[in-house]
């Protein structure tokens, strides 16, 4: 069973996890974009970021979080 979580809390968890990847220190903001019934992560990065690494980190984090959490839009 997945744990319910608000979009804001999910963004904070995602930011922490993405920053744990090599090169993730360049990520300054993560946004949850809802596409009913699914959602995606969009990352904003600073200059100097390796976009391939960030894309991999964002995709891997999104995959893990979708299995761990259920996004609650009514909170």
Protein backbone atom coordinates (compact mmCIF):
# COMPACT_ATOMS: atom_id res chain seq x y z
CA UNK A 1 0.00 0.00 0.00
CA UNK A 2 1.28 3.44 -0.92
CA UNK A 3 1.46 6.30 1.58
CA UNK A 4 -0.72 9.36 0.85
CA UNK A 5 1.29 12.59 0.43
CA UNK A 6 0.58 16.19 -0.56
CA UNK A 7 2.17 17.69 -3.68
CA UNK A 8 4.31 20.09 -1.63
CA UNK A 9 5.67 17.32 0.60
CA UNK A 10 6.33 15.16 -2.46
CA UNK A 11 8.32 18.00 -4.04
CA UNK A 12 10.50 18.26 -0.93
CA UNK A 13 11.12 14.49 -0.81
CA UNK A 14 11.91 14.46 -4.54
CA UNK A 15 14.34 17.38 -4.23
CA UNK A 16 16.20 15.63 -1.41
CA UNK A 17 16.43 12.37 -3.35
CA UNK A 18 17.49 14.00 -6.64
CA UNK A 19 20.21 15.96 -4.85
CA UNK A 20 21.63 12.69 -3.52
CA UNK A 21 22.60 11.67 -7.09
CA UNK A 22 25.98 12.73 -8.54
CA UNK A 23 25.48 16.17 -10.09
CA UNK A 24 22.20 16.63 -8.23
CA UNK A 25 23.56 19.60 -6.31
CA UNK A 26 22.69 21.75 -9.34
CA UNK A 27 18.95 21.13 -8.89
CA UNK A 28 17.37 24.12 -7.16
CA UNK A 29 13.64 23.36 -7.47
CA UNK A 30 11.37 20.39 -8.18
CA UNK A 31 7.72 20.71 -9.19
CA UNK A 32 5.03 18.02 -9.30
CA UNK A 33 3.00 18.38 -12.49
CA UNK A 34 -0.34 16.61 -12.32
CA UNK A 35 -1.73 14.82 -15.35
CA UNK A 36 -4.76 12.92 -14.09
CA UNK A 37 -4.47 10.29 -12.79
CA UNK A 38 -0.68 10.39 -13.11
CA UNK A 39 1.99 12.95 -12.20
CA UNK A 40 5.52 13.88 -13.32
CA UNK A 41 8.49 15.66 -11.80
CA UNK A 42 10.00 18.77 -13.42
CA UNK A 43 13.38 19.92 -12.15
CA UNK A 44 14.84 23.42 -12.41
CA UNK A 45 18.65 23.52 -12.48
CA UNK A 46 21.42 26.09 -12.14
CA UNK A 47 24.08 26.82 -14.75
CA UNK A 48 26.73 24.14 -15.08
CA UNK A 49 24.40 21.15 -14.61
CA UNK A 50 24.88 17.96 -16.62
CA UNK A 51 21.38 17.66 -18.06
CA UNK A 52 21.75 13.96 -18.88
CA UNK A 53 22.58 13.16 -15.25
CA UNK A 54 19.74 15.33 -13.98
CA UNK A 55 17.28 13.69 -16.37
CA UNK A 56 18.39 10.25 -15.19
CA UNK A 57 18.15 11.27 -11.52
CA UNK A 58 14.69 12.79 -12.03
CA UNK A 59 13.39 9.72 -13.88
CA UNK A 60 14.75 7.28 -11.31
CA UNK A 61 13.38 9.34 -8.43
CA UNK A 62 9.97 9.65 -10.09
CA UNK A 63 9.84 5.86 -10.61
CA UNK A 64 10.69 5.15 -6.95
CA UNK A 65 8.33 7.76 -5.55
CA UNK A 66 5.39 6.57 -7.66
CA UNK A 67 5.77 3.15 -6.05
CA UNK A 68 6.15 4.58 -2.55
CA UNK A 69 3.57 7.43 -2.47
CA UNK A 70 0.05 8.21 -3.61
CA UNK A 71 -0.43 11.88 -4.51
CA UNK A 72 -3.32 13.44 -2.64
CA UNK A 73 -4.78 16.38 -4.52
CA UNK A 74 -7.48 17.12 -1.92
CA UNK A 75 -4.98 18.30 0.74
